[in-house]
Amino acid sequence: MADSLVLRALRGNARHLDLGGKKLRRVPKAVGRLQALTRLQLRNNLITELPAELQALDNLTDLNLGNNSLEALPEVLKHLTQLKKLHLFGNKLGNLSPSVLEGLGNLVFLNLNDNKLTTLPAEMDRLLELKYLYVNNNQLGSIPNKLCLLQHLCELHLANNNLKLLPHDIGYLTNLKKLSLPRNQIEELPEELSKLCNLKVLDVAGNLLTIFPTKLLELKLDELYYEQNPLLEKNLISSAQQNEVLSLQEITARYIMDEMTSNSINSIFKHYSEVKKILENASKCAKIRMTSSARVIPVRAFLCSYSCFNEPGHHYYGIATP
């Protein structure tokens, strides 16, 4: 049946070929003669490897190998340099060959869902045009820092893995619009998450989060999913703090922070580099930028002092820890 479909495609110089669901264990070598082919469907078969003849498919942009029996990336893929869309979901992939990835620099869409991946290679950074990456339902324990060099990435899907943390470099993915991380083991989100200025959808449901990053409220999210996390609850307790004894340096630093909008203060930085060094990593008191959204989820916030915390008129609360 498959051979007859290939023969028909050869006669018609076909651009599309669908061999999905044919119970194929091998791909007919004659497919490599379809040099006009741009889309090849091989999903829902029993394929374990691809013939070397497929490297002649110079115009192939869309390849679907989903739901097969691949245990490794076929080497022939590195020759399909025009591929833009590659489906590899539902196979038995335990790792990704770096040498194969090097030939997939034009890939825009990659689906690796439902495999057995425990890691992603650092060579993922070779996929410079990648916009959509799906690695749901695998066994990932971490993601490489170099993945955060993919400047065109718009969607990153990592649901149902074994992730415990995210790299701090995730802040470099400034074009990311959707980040899906449900059903992992993440205990804390990095502060750099707030640098994802284009992020619209964040899904962290079903993790181990107790609190969210300080500047999460600065993200202009359309959707936030955080159900089934052990979030801290607002249980008020009585406490007493000793009066603060502040150093002269601390008092001066707070005064400067209050006057940061002044042009005269900013001009001083040009002449006193030590002052700039002290303040460059400072955080603004959260009371300056209070929003009603802070009532919805627990967010880590910086308040400048106990005195500031004890003043009325804000909804921030403290958490007692042993």
C-alpha atoms as a PDB file:
ATOM      1  CA  MET A   1       0.000   0.000   0.000  1.00  0.00           C
ATOM      2  CA  ALA A   2       2.760   2.442   0.971  1.00  0.00           C
ATOM      3  CA  ASP A   3       4.811   1.557  -2.121  1.00  0.00           C
ATOM      4  CA  SER A   4       1.860   2.298  -4.393  1.00  0.00           C
ATOM      5  CA  LEU A   5       1.372   5.688  -2.747  1.00  0.00           C
ATOM      6  CA  VAL A   6       5.041   6.500  -3.309  1.00  0.00           C
ATOM      7  CA  LEU A   7       4.851   5.447  -6.972  1.00  0.00           C
ATOM      8  CA  ARG A   8       1.821   7.659  -7.466  1.00  0.00           C
ATOM      9  CA  ALA A   9       3.654  10.541  -5.828  1.00  0.00           C
ATOM     10  CA  LEU A  10       6.674  10.013  -8.111  1.00  0.00           C
ATOM     11  CA  ARG A  11       4.507  10.194 -11.207  1.00  0.00           C
ATOM     12  CA  GLY A  12       2.885  13.406 -10.038  1.00  0.00           C
ATOM     13  CA  ASN A  13       6.060  15.044  -8.699  1.00  0.00           C
ATOM     14  CA  ALA A  14       4.185  15.432  -5.404  1.00  0.00           C
ATOM     15  CA  ARG A  15       4.920  18.126  -2.844  1.00  0.00           C
ATOM     16  CA  HIS A  16       3.046  16.352  -0.033  1.00  0.00           C
ATOM     17  CA  LEU A  17       3.098  12.674   0.960  1.00  0.00           C
ATOM     18  CA  ASP A  18       1.056  11.072   3.736  1.00  0.00           C
ATOM     19  CA  LEU A  19       2.173   7.609   4.875  1.00  0.00           C
ATOM     20  CA  GLY A  20       0.665   7.929   8.332  1.00  0.00           C
ATOM     21  CA  GLY A  21      -0.961   4.946  10.017  1.00  0.00           C
ATOM     22  CA  LYS A  22       0.336   2.331   7.528  1.00  0.00           C
ATOM     23  CA  LYS A  23       2.063   0.126  10.155  1.00  0.00           C
ATOM     24  CA  LEU A  24       5.400   0.811   8.447  1.00  0.00           C
ATOM     25  CA  ARG A  25       8.562  -0.572  10.015  1.00  0.00           C
ATOM     26  CA  ARG A  26      10.710   1.062   7.356  1.00  0.00           C
ATOM     27  CA  VAL A  27      10.305   4.028   5.041  1.00  0.00           C
ATOM     28  CA  PRO A  28      10.511   3.160   1.322  1.00  0.00           C
ATOM     29  CA  LYS A  29      13.869   4.340  -0.057  1.00  0.00           C
ATOM     30  CA  ALA A  30      12.076   5.667  -3.125  1.00  0.00           C
ATOM     31  CA  VAL A  31      10.729   8.519  -0.990  1.00  0.00           C
ATOM     32  CA  GLY A  32      14.196  10.055  -1.343  1.00  0.00           C
ATOM     33  CA  ARG A  33      13.517  10.567  -5.051  1.00  0.00           C
ATOM     34  CA  LEU A  34      10.631  12.968  -4.323  1.00  0.00           C
ATOM     35  CA  GLN A  35      12.850  16.014  -4.451  1.00  0.00           C
ATOM     36  CA  ALA A  36       9.912  18.443  -4.704  1.00  0.00           C
ATOM     37  CA  LEU A  37       8.517  17.168  -1.388  1.00  0.00           C
ATOM     38  CA  THR A  38       7.894  19.860   1.213  1.00  0.00           C
ATOM     39  CA  ARG A  39       5.721  17.905   3.677  1.00  0.00           C
ATOM     40  CA  LEU A  40       6.121  14.277   4.737  1.00  0.00           C
ATOM     41  CA  GLN A  41       3.726  12.553   7.155  1.00  0.00           C
ATOM     42  CA  LEU A  42       5.054   9.363   8.789  1.00  0.00           C
ATOM     43  CA  ARG A  43       3.137   9.475  12.069  1.00  0.00           C
ATOM     44  CA  ASN A  44       1.480   6.466  13.742  1.00  0.00           C
ATOM     45  CA  ASN A  45       3.786   3.758  12.387  1.00  0.00           C
ATOM     46  CA  LEU A  46       6.433   1.418  13.831  1.00  0.00           C
ATOM     47  CA  ILE A  47       9.489   3.164  12.377  1.00  0.00           C
ATOM     48  CA  THR A  48      12.814   2.724  14.215  1.00  0.00           C
ATOM     49  CA  GLU A  49      15.122   4.454  11.715  1.00  0.00           C
ATOM     50  CA  LEU A  50      15.118   6.463   8.492  1.00  0.00           C
ATOM     51  CA  PRO A  51      16.941   5.535   5.267  1.00  0.00           C
ATOM     52  CA  ALA A  52      19.934   7.632   4.216  1.00  0.00           C
ATOM     53  CA  GLU A  53      18.185   8.293   0.872  1.00  0.00           C
ATOM     54  CA  LEU A  54      15.979  10.897   2.581  1.00  0.00           C
ATOM     55  CA  GLN A  55      18.912  13.326   2.730  1.00  0.00           C
ATOM     56  CA  ALA A  56      18.113  14.192  -0.892  1.00  0.00           C
ATOM     57  CA  LEU A  57      14.876  15.921   0.196  1.00  0.00           C
ATOM     58  CA  ASP A  58      16.349  19.405  -0.046  1.00  0.00           C
ATOM     59  CA  ASN A  59      12.964  21.144  -0.041  1.00  0.00           C
ATOM     60  CA  LEU A  60      11.414  19.339   2.932  1.00  0.00           C
ATOM     61  CA  THR A  61      10.131  21.832   5.527  1.00  0.00           C
ATOM     62  CA  ASP A  62       7.604  19.757   7.496  1.00  0.00           C
ATOM     63  CA  LEU A  63       8.293  16.239   8.840  1.00  0.00           C
ATOM     64  CA  ASN A  64       5.983  14.339  11.177  1.00  0.00           C
ATOM     65  CA  LEU A  65       7.507  11.281  12.875  1.00  0.00           C
ATOM     66  CA  GLY A  66       5.124  11.261  15.825  1.00  0.00           C
ATOM     67  CA  ASN A  67       4.025   8.010  17.472  1.00  0.00           C
ATOM     68  CA  ASN A  68       6.742   5.720  16.163  1.00  0.00           C
ATOM     69  CA  SER A  69       9.495   3.659  17.833  1.00  0.00           C
ATOM     70  CA  LEU A  70      12.561   5.875  17.438  1.00  0.00           C
ATOM     71  CA  GLU A  71      15.098   5.485  20.255  1.00  0.00           C
ATOM     72  CA  ALA A  72      17.536   8.053  18.845  1.00  0.00           C
ATOM     73  CA  LEU A  73      17.420  10.941  16.413  1.00  0.00           C
ATOM     74  CA  PRO A  74      17.978   9.560  12.897  1.00  0.00           C
ATOM     75  CA  GLU A  75      21.316  10.816  11.559  1.00  0.00           C
ATOM     76  CA  VAL A  76      19.749  11.682   8.216  1.00  0.00           C
ATOM     77  CA  LEU A  77      17.890  14.555   9.865  1.00  0.00           C
ATOM     78  CA  LYS A  78      21.050  16.664  10.026  1.00  0.00           C
ATOM     79  CA  HIS A  79      21.019  16.838   6.210  1.00  0.00           C
ATOM     80  CA  LEU A  80      17.452  18.179   6.062  1.00  0.00           C
ATOM     81  CA  THR A  81      18.617  21.732   6.594  1.00  0.00           C
ATOM     82  CA  GLN A  82      15.405  23.359   5.321  1.00  0.00           C
ATOM     83  CA  LEU A  83      13.207  21.734   7.970  1.00  0.00           C
ATOM     84  CA  LYS A  84      11.053  24.242   9.821  1.00  0.00           C
ATOM     85  CA  LYS A  85       8.617  21.907  11.582  1.00  0.00           C
ATOM     86  CA  LEU A  86       9.570  18.581  13.191  1.00  0.00           C
ATOM     87  CA  HIS A  87       7.236  16.296  15.172  1.00  0.00           C
ATOM     88  CA  LEU A  88       8.924  13.589  17.263  1.00  0.00           C
ATOM     89  CA  PHE A  89       6.253  13.109  19.937  1.00  0.00           C
ATOM     90  CA  GLY A  90       5.343   9.664  21.217  1.00  0.00           C
ATOM     91  CA  ASN A  91       8.644   7.904  20.504  1.00  0.00           C
ATOM     92  CA  LYS A  92      11.256   6.344  22.809  1.00  0.00           C
ATOM     93  CA  LEU A  93      13.927   9.032  22.627  1.00  0.00           C
ATOM     94  CA  GLY A  94      16.276   8.924  25.612  1.00  0.00           C
ATOM     95  CA  ASN A  95      18.621  11.654  24.378  1.00  0.00           C
ATOM     96  CA  LEU A  96      19.148  14.075  21.498  1.00  0.00           C
ATOM     97  CA  SER A  97      22.239  13.787  19.315  1.00  0.00           C
ATOM     98  CA  PRO A  98      24.167  17.107  19.302  1.00  0.00           C
ATOM     99  CA  SER A  99      25.497  16.396  15.777  1.00  0.00           C
ATOM    100  CA  VAL A 100      21.945  16.103  14.434  1.00  0.00           C
ATOM    101  CA  LEU A 101      20.838  19.309  16.111  1.00  0.00           C
ATOM    102  CA  GLU A 102      23.654  21.209  14.413  1.00  0.00           C
ATOM    103  CA  GLY A 103      21.971  20.680  11.034  1.00  0.00           C
ATOM    104  CA  LEU A 104      18.556  21.937  12.152  1.00  0.00           C
ATOM    105  CA  GLY A 105      19.324  25.633  12.386  1.00  0.00           C
ATOM    106  CA  ASN A 106      16.194  26.643  10.446  1.00  0.00           C
ATOM    107  CA  LEU A 107      13.794  24.754  12.706  1.00  0.00           C
ATOM    108  CA  VAL A 108      10.909  26.897  13.994  1.00  0.00           C
ATOM    109  CA  PHE A 109       8.721  24.228  15.651  1.00  0.00           C
ATOM    110  CA  LEU A 110       9.918  21.154  17.591  1.00  0.00           C
ATOM    111  CA  ASN A 111       7.609  18.702  19.359  1.00  0.00           C
ATOM    112  CA  LEU A 112       9.335  16.219  21.705  1.00  0.00           C
ATOM    113  CA  ASN A 113       6.341  15.401  23.893  1.00  0.00           C
ATOM    114  CA  ASP A 114       5.901  11.929  25.388  1.00  0.00           C
ATOM    115  CA  ASN A 115       9.443  10.587  25.149  1.00  0.00           C
ATOM    116  CA  LYS A 116      12.020   9.451  27.743  1.00  0.00           C
ATOM    117  CA  LEU A 117      14.315  12.464  27.773  1.00  0.00           C
ATOM    118  CA  THR A 118      16.157  13.079  31.028  1.00  0.00           C
ATOM    119  CA  THR A 119      18.240  16.007  29.748  1.00  0.00           C
ATOM    120  CA  LEU A 120      18.421  18.422  26.844  1.00  0.00           C
ATOM    121  CA  PRO A 121      21.882  18.936  25.318  1.00  0.00           C
ATOM    122  CA  ALA A 122      23.593  22.320  25.448  1.00  0.00           C
ATOM    123  CA  GLU A 123      23.636  22.189  21.641  1.00  0.00           C
ATOM    124  CA  MET A 124      19.954  23.161  21.694  1.00  0.00           C
ATOM    125  CA  ASP A 125      21.341  26.676  21.319  1.00  0.00           C
ATOM    126  CA  ARG A 126      22.101  25.816  17.651  1.00  0.00           C
ATOM    127  CA  LEU A 127      18.353  25.989  16.911  1.00  0.00           C
ATOM    128  CA  LEU A 128      18.604  29.726  16.426  1.00  0.00           C
ATOM    129  CA  GLU A 129      15.241  30.164  14.664  1.00  0.00           C
ATOM    130  CA  LEU A 130      13.223  28.050  17.098  1.00  0.00           C
ATOM    131  CA  LYS A 131       9.967  29.670  18.263  1.00  0.00           C
ATOM    132  CA  TYR A 132       7.940  26.760  19.658  1.00  0.00           C
ATOM    133  CA  LEU A 133       9.416  24.016  21.852  1.00  0.00           C
ATOM    134  CA  TYR A 134       7.328  21.222  23.380  1.00  0.00           C
ATOM    135  CA  VAL A 135       8.975  18.784  25.811  1.00  0.00           C
ATOM    136  CA  ASN A 136       5.939  17.774  27.879  1.00  0.00           C
ATOM    137  CA  ASN A 137       5.696  14.365  29.558  1.00  0.00           C
ATOM    138  CA  ASN A 138       9.370  13.477  29.703  1.00  0.00           C
ATOM    139  CA  GLN A 139      11.779  12.963  32.620  1.00  0.00           C
ATOM    140  CA  LEU A 140      13.764  16.192  32.552  1.00  0.00           C
ATOM    141  CA  GLY A 141      15.530  17.026  35.808  1.00  0.00           C
ATOM    142  CA  SER A 142      16.841  20.365  34.555  1.00  0.00           C
ATOM    143  CA  ILE A 143      17.129  22.505  31.453  1.00  0.00           C
ATOM    144  CA  PRO A 144      20.474  23.785  30.144  1.00  0.00           C
ATOM    145  CA  ASN A 145      21.445  27.438  30.515  1.00  0.00           C
ATOM    146  CA  LYS A 146      22.181  27.597  26.792  1.00  0.00           C
ATOM    147  CA  LEU A 147      18.528  27.009  26.012  1.00  0.00           C
ATOM    148  CA  CYS A 148      18.066  30.576  27.230  1.00  0.00           C
ATOM    149  CA  LEU A 149      20.070  31.844  24.233  1.00  0.00           C
ATOM    150  CA  LEU A 150      17.183  31.085  21.862  1.00  0.00           C
ATOM    151  CA  GLN A 151      16.165  34.687  21.317  1.00  0.00           C
ATOM    152  CA  HIS A 152      13.223  33.879  19.013  1.00  0.00           C
ATOM    153  CA  LEU A 153      11.552  31.431  21.405  1.00  0.00           C
ATOM    154  CA  CYS A 154       7.866  32.362  21.900  1.00  0.00           C
ATOM    155  CA  GLU A 155       6.497  29.264  23.638  1.00  0.00           C
ATOM    156  CA  LEU A 156       8.220  26.845  25.990  1.00  0.00           C
ATOM    157  CA  HIS A 157       6.231  23.824  27.192  1.00  0.00           C
ATOM    158  CA  LEU A 158       7.792  21.639  29.927  1.00  0.00           C
ATOM    159  CA  ALA A 159       4.769  20.140  31.684  1.00  0.00           C
ATOM    160  CA  ASN A 160       4.954  16.899  33.664  1.00  0.00           C
ATOM    161  CA  ASN A 161       8.707  16.504  34.075  1.00  0.00           C
ATOM    162  CA  ASN A 162      10.977  16.342  37.143  1.00  0.00           C
ATOM    163  CA  LEU A 163      12.167  19.953  37.110  1.00  0.00           C
ATOM    164  CA  LYS A 164      13.177  21.353  40.488  1.00  0.00           C
ATOM    165  CA  LEU A 165      14.398  24.762  39.362  1.00  0.00           C
ATOM    166  CA  LEU A 166      14.772  27.049  36.361  1.00  0.00           C
ATOM    167  CA  PRO A 167      18.057  28.625  35.234  1.00  0.00           C
ATOM    168  CA  HIS A 168      18.554  32.255  36.205  1.00  0.00           C
ATOM    169  CA  ASP A 169      19.394  32.945  32.556  1.00  0.00           C
ATOM    170  CA  ILE A 170      15.724  32.459  31.671  1.00  0.00           C
ATOM    171  CA  GLY A 171      15.486  36.246  31.825  1.00  0.00           C
ATOM    172  CA  TYR A 172      17.206  36.387  28.427  1.00  0.00           C
ATOM    173  CA  LEU A 173      14.165  34.827  26.709  1.00  0.00           C
ATOM    174  CA  THR A 174      12.644  38.265  26.227  1.00  0.00           C
ATOM    175  CA  ASN A 175      10.376  37.197  23.343  1.00  0.00           C
ATOM    176  CA  LEU A 176       8.755  34.410  25.355  1.00  0.00           C
ATOM    177  CA  LYS A 177       4.961  34.739  25.425  1.00  0.00           C
ATOM    178  CA  LYS A 178       3.944  31.417  26.967  1.00  0.00           C
ATOM    179  CA  LEU A 179       5.778  29.450  29.659  1.00  0.00           C
ATOM    180  CA  SER A 180       4.112  26.181  30.682  1.00  0.00           C
ATOM    181  CA  LEU A 181       5.586  24.349  33.704  1.00  0.00           C
ATOM    182  CA  PRO A 182       2.716  22.477  35.401  1.00  0.00           C
ATOM    183  CA  ARG A 183       3.189  19.207  37.280  1.00  0.00           C
ATOM    184  CA  ASN A 184       6.893  19.496  38.070  1.00  0.00           C
ATOM    185  CA  GLN A 185       8.711  19.765  41.423  1.00  0.00           C
ATOM    186  CA  ILE A 186       9.671  23.440  41.285  1.00  0.00           C
ATOM    187  CA  GLU A 187      10.046  24.984  44.756  1.00  0.00           C
ATOM    188  CA  GLU A 188      11.057  28.498  43.733  1.00  0.00           C
ATOM    189  CA  LEU A 189      10.872  30.656  40.618  1.00  0.00           C
ATOM    190  CA  PRO A 190      13.905  32.839  39.812  1.00  0.00           C
ATOM    191  CA  GLU A 191      13.623  36.603  40.200  1.00  0.00           C
ATOM    192  CA  GLU A 192      14.807  36.908  36.578  1.00  0.00           C
ATOM    193  CA  LEU A 193      11.351  35.756  35.506  1.00  0.00           C
ATOM    194  CA  SER A 194      10.281  39.386  35.813  1.00  0.00           C
ATOM    195  CA  LYS A 195      12.506  40.243  32.822  1.00  0.00           C
ATOM    196  CA  LEU A 196      10.195  38.335  30.459  1.00  0.00           C
ATOM    197  CA  CYS A 197       8.496  41.537  29.378  1.00  0.00           C
ATOM    198  CA  ASN A 198       6.406  39.871  26.629  1.00  0.00           C
ATOM    199  CA  LEU A 199       5.147  36.964  28.751  1.00  0.00           C
ATOM    200  CA  LYS A 200       1.346  36.627  28.594  1.00  0.00           C
ATOM    201  CA  VAL A 201       0.695  33.102  29.918  1.00  0.00           C
ATOM    202  CA  LEU A 202       2.430  31.511  32.906  1.00  0.00           C
ATOM    203  CA  ASP A 203       1.378  28.050  34.084  1.00  0.00           C
ATOM    204  CA  VAL A 204       3.051  26.745  37.248  1.00  0.00           C
ATOM    205  CA  ALA A 205       0.144  24.684  38.608  1.00  0.00           C
ATOM    206  CA  GLY A 206       0.914  21.497  40.494  1.00  0.00           C
ATOM    207  CA  ASN A 207       4.405  22.371  41.734  1.00  0.00           C
ATOM    208  CA  LEU A 208       5.884  22.970  45.218  1.00  0.00           C
ATOM    209  CA  LEU A 209       5.795  26.767  45.238  1.00  0.00           C
ATOM    210  CA  THR A 210       5.145  28.580  48.494  1.00  0.00           C
ATOM    211  CA  ILE A 211       5.751  32.138  47.295  1.00  0.00           C
ATOM    212  CA  PHE A 212       6.299  34.045  44.046  1.00  0.00           C
ATOM    213  CA  PRO A 213       9.172  36.314  42.942  1.00  0.00           C
ATOM    214  CA  THR A 214       9.293  39.901  44.133  1.00  0.00           C
ATOM    215  CA  LYS A 215       8.514  41.525  40.783  1.00  0.00           C
ATOM    216  CA  LEU A 216       5.998  39.040  39.424  1.00  0.00           C
ATOM    217  CA  LEU A 217       3.302  41.711  39.605  1.00  0.00           C
ATOM    218  CA  GLU A 218       5.221  43.797  37.078  1.00  0.00           C
ATOM    219  CA  LEU A 219       4.545  41.219  34.356  1.00  0.00           C
ATOM    220  CA  LYS A 220       1.520  42.045  32.204  1.00  0.00           C
ATOM    221  CA  LEU A 221       0.117  38.522  32.250  1.00  0.00           C
ATOM    222  CA  ASP A 222      -3.179  37.621  30.615  1.00  0.00           C
ATOM    223  CA  GLU A 223      -3.294  34.194  32.287  1.00  0.00           C
ATOM    224  CA  LEU A 224      -1.664  32.844  35.448  1.00  0.00           C
ATOM    225  CA  TYR A 225      -2.241  29.265  36.610  1.00  0.00           C
ATOM    226  CA  TYR A 226      -0.946  28.432  40.090  1.00  0.00           C
ATOM    227  CA  GLU A 227      -3.408  25.889  41.509  1.00  0.00           C
ATOM    228  CA  GLN A 228      -2.223  22.924  43.585  1.00  0.00           C
ATOM    229  CA  ASN A 229       0.818  24.629  45.084  1.00  0.00           C
ATOM    230  CA  PRO A 230       1.414  24.797  48.875  1.00  0.00           C
ATOM    231  CA  LEU A 231       1.222  28.597  48.881  1.00  0.00           C
ATOM    232  CA  LEU A 232       1.788  30.452  52.121  1.00  0.00           C
ATOM    233  CA  GLU A 233      -1.434  31.596  53.760  1.00  0.00           C
ATOM    234  CA  LYS A 234      -2.028  34.842  55.566  1.00  0.00           C
ATOM    235  CA  ASN A 235      -2.203  33.745  59.202  1.00  0.00           C
ATOM    236  CA  LEU A 236      -1.730  36.792  61.394  1.00  0.00           C
ATOM    237  CA  ILE A 237       0.434  36.367  64.496  1.00  0.00           C
ATOM    238  CA  SER A 238       1.523  38.853  67.113  1.00  0.00           C
ATOM    239  CA  SER A 239       5.180  39.772  67.179  1.00  0.00           C
ATOM    240  CA  ALA A 240       7.464  42.334  68.656  1.00  0.00           C
ATOM    241  CA  GLN A 241      10.517  43.904  67.097  1.00  0.00           C
ATOM    242  CA  GLN A 242      13.219  45.803  68.877  1.00  0.00           C
ATOM    243  CA  ASN A 243      13.761  49.406  67.891  1.00  0.00           C
ATOM    244  CA  GLU A 244      16.199  49.586  65.035  1.00  0.00           C
ATOM    245  CA  VAL A 245      19.584  51.150  65.468  1.00  0.00           C
ATOM    246  CA  LEU A 246      20.688  52.174  61.998  1.00  0.00           C
ATOM    247  CA  SER A 247      24.212  52.968  60.922  1.00  0.00           C
ATOM    248  CA  LEU A 248      24.964  56.354  59.394  1.00  0.00           C
ATOM    249  CA  GLN A 249      25.679  54.599  56.079  1.00  0.00           C
ATOM    250  CA  GLU A 250      22.255  52.905  56.162  1.00  0.00           C
ATOM    251  CA  ILE A 251      20.454  56.165  56.986  1.00  0.00           C
ATOM    252  CA  THR A 252      22.286  57.911  54.145  1.00  0.00           C
ATOM    253  CA  ALA A 253      21.520  55.110  51.706  1.00  0.00           C
ATOM    254  CA  ARG A 254      17.806  55.257  52.530  1.00  0.00           C
ATOM    255  CA  TYR A 255      17.772  59.008  52.077  1.00  0.00           C
ATOM    256  CA  ILE A 256      19.403  58.650  48.666  1.00  0.00           C
ATOM    257  CA  MET A 257      16.906  55.943  47.671  1.00  0.00           C
ATOM    258  CA  ASP A 258      14.055  58.311  48.548  1.00  0.00           C
ATOM    259  CA  GLU A 259      15.621  61.039  46.417  1.00  0.00           C
ATOM    260  CA  MET A 260      16.529  58.860  43.430  1.00  0.00           C
ATOM    261  CA  THR A 261      14.170  60.763  41.118  1.00  0.00           C
ATOM    262  CA  SER A 262      16.143  63.928  41.641  1.00  0.00           C
ATOM    263  CA  ASN A 263      18.464  64.864  38.761  1.00  0.00           C
ATOM    264  CA  SER A 264      20.931  66.347  41.218  1.00  0.00           C
ATOM    265  CA  ILE A 265      21.265  63.020  43.043  1.00  0.00           C
ATOM    266  CA  ASN A 266      21.714  61.115  39.785  1.00  0.00           C
ATOM    267  CA  SER A 267      24.448  63.517  38.708  1.00  0.00           C
ATOM    268  CA  ILE A 268      26.381  62.777  41.910  1.00  0.00           C
ATOM    269  CA  PHE A 269      26.840  59.172  40.753  1.00  0.00           C
ATOM    270  CA  LYS A 270      29.166  60.407  38.010  1.00  0.00           C
ATOM    271  CA  HIS A 271      31.607  61.713  40.612  1.00  0.00           C
ATOM    272  CA  TYR A 272      31.179  59.214  43.469  1.00  0.00           C
ATOM    273  CA  SER A 273      31.409  55.705  42.049  1.00  0.00           C
ATOM    274  CA  GLU A 274      31.390  54.113  45.525  1.00  0.00           C
ATOM    275  CA  VAL A 275      27.896  55.457  46.193  1.00  0.00           C
ATOM    276  CA  LYS A 276      26.655  53.962  42.956  1.00  0.00           C
ATOM    277  CA  LYS A 277      28.255  50.613  43.843  1.00  0.00           C
ATOM    278  CA  ILE A 278      26.433  50.524  47.184  1.00  0.00           C
ATOM    279  CA  LEU A 279      23.043  51.308  45.666  1.00  0.00           C
ATOM    280  CA  GLU A 280      23.109  49.616  42.269  1.00  0.00           C
ATOM    281  CA  ASN A 281      21.710  46.333  43.643  1.00  0.00           C
ATOM    282  CA  ALA A 282      19.249  47.927  46.040  1.00  0.00           C
ATOM    283  CA  SER A 283      15.515  47.204  45.837  1.00  0.00           C
ATOM    284  CA  LYS A 284      12.735  49.736  46.138  1.00  0.00           C
ATOM    285  CA  CYS A 285      10.411  49.443  49.090  1.00  0.00           C
ATOM    286  CA  ALA A 286       7.335  47.504  47.989  1.00  0.00           C
ATOM    287  CA  LYS A 287       5.034  50.073  49.589  1.00  0.00           C
ATOM    288  CA  ILE A 288       5.997  52.512  46.847  1.00  0.00           C
ATOM    289  CA  ARG A 289       4.384  50.322  44.179  1.00  0.00           C
ATOM    290  CA  MET A 290       1.507  48.591  45.978  1.00  0.00           C
ATOM    291  CA  THR A 291      -1.180  47.045  43.766  1.00  0.00           C
ATOM    292  CA  SER A 292      -4.416  45.270  44.612  1.00  0.00           C
ATOM    293  CA  SER A 293      -3.146  42.175  42.770  1.00  0.00           C
ATOM    294  CA  ALA A 294      -0.843  41.463  45.695  1.00  0.00           C
ATOM    295  CA  ARG A 295      -3.901  40.227  47.629  1.00  0.00           C
ATOM    296  CA  VAL A 296      -4.353  37.273  45.291  1.00  0.00           C
ATOM    297  CA  ILE A 297      -1.103  35.325  45.682  1.00  0.00           C
ATOM    298  CA  PRO A 298       1.817  35.520  48.124  1.00  0.00           C
ATOM    299  CA  VAL A 299       4.650  37.557  46.595  1.00  0.00           C
ATOM    300  CA  ARG A 300       8.055  38.084  48.151  1.00  0.00           C
ATOM    301  CA  ALA A 301       8.377  41.821  48.845  1.00  0.00           C
ATOM    302  CA  PHE A 302      11.092  44.114  50.166  1.00  0.00           C
ATOM    303  CA  LEU A 303      10.155  46.662  52.842  1.00  0.00           C
ATOM    304  CA  CYS A 304      12.772  49.132  53.924  1.00  0.00           C
ATOM    305  CA  SER A 305      12.423  48.628  57.694  1.00  0.00           C
ATOM    306  CA  TYR A 306      10.327  47.319  60.590  1.00  0.00           C
ATOM    307  CA  SER A 307       9.063  50.875  61.060  1.00  0.00           C
ATOM    308  CA  CYS A 308       7.840  50.905  57.483  1.00  0.00           C
ATOM    309  CA  PHE A 309       6.221  47.486  57.959  1.00  0.00           C
ATOM    310  CA  ASN A 310       4.449  48.564  61.152  1.00  0.00           C
ATOM    311  CA  GLU A 311       2.890  51.642  59.579  1.00  0.00           C
ATOM    312  CA  PRO A 312      -0.836  51.310  58.747  1.00  0.00           C
ATOM    313  CA  GLY A 313      -2.341  51.507  55.274  1.00  0.00           C
ATOM    314  CA  HIS A 314      -0.740  48.550  53.471  1.00  0.00           C
ATOM    315  CA  HIS A 315      -1.664  44.891  52.980  1.00  0.00           C
ATOM    316  CA  TYR A 316       1.785  43.302  53.316  1.00  0.00           C
ATOM    317  CA  TYR A 317       2.288  40.694  56.012  1.00  0.00           C
ATOM    318  CA  GLY A 318       5.224  38.806  57.474  1.00  0.00           C
ATOM    319  CA  ILE A 319       5.894  35.086  57.638  1.00  0.00           C
ATOM    320  CA  ALA A 320       7.430  33.668  60.809  1.00  0.00           C
ATOM    321  CA  THR A 321      10.017  30.965  60.151  1.00  0.00           C
ATOM    322  CA  PRO A 322      11.860  28.808  62.736  1.00  0.00           C
END
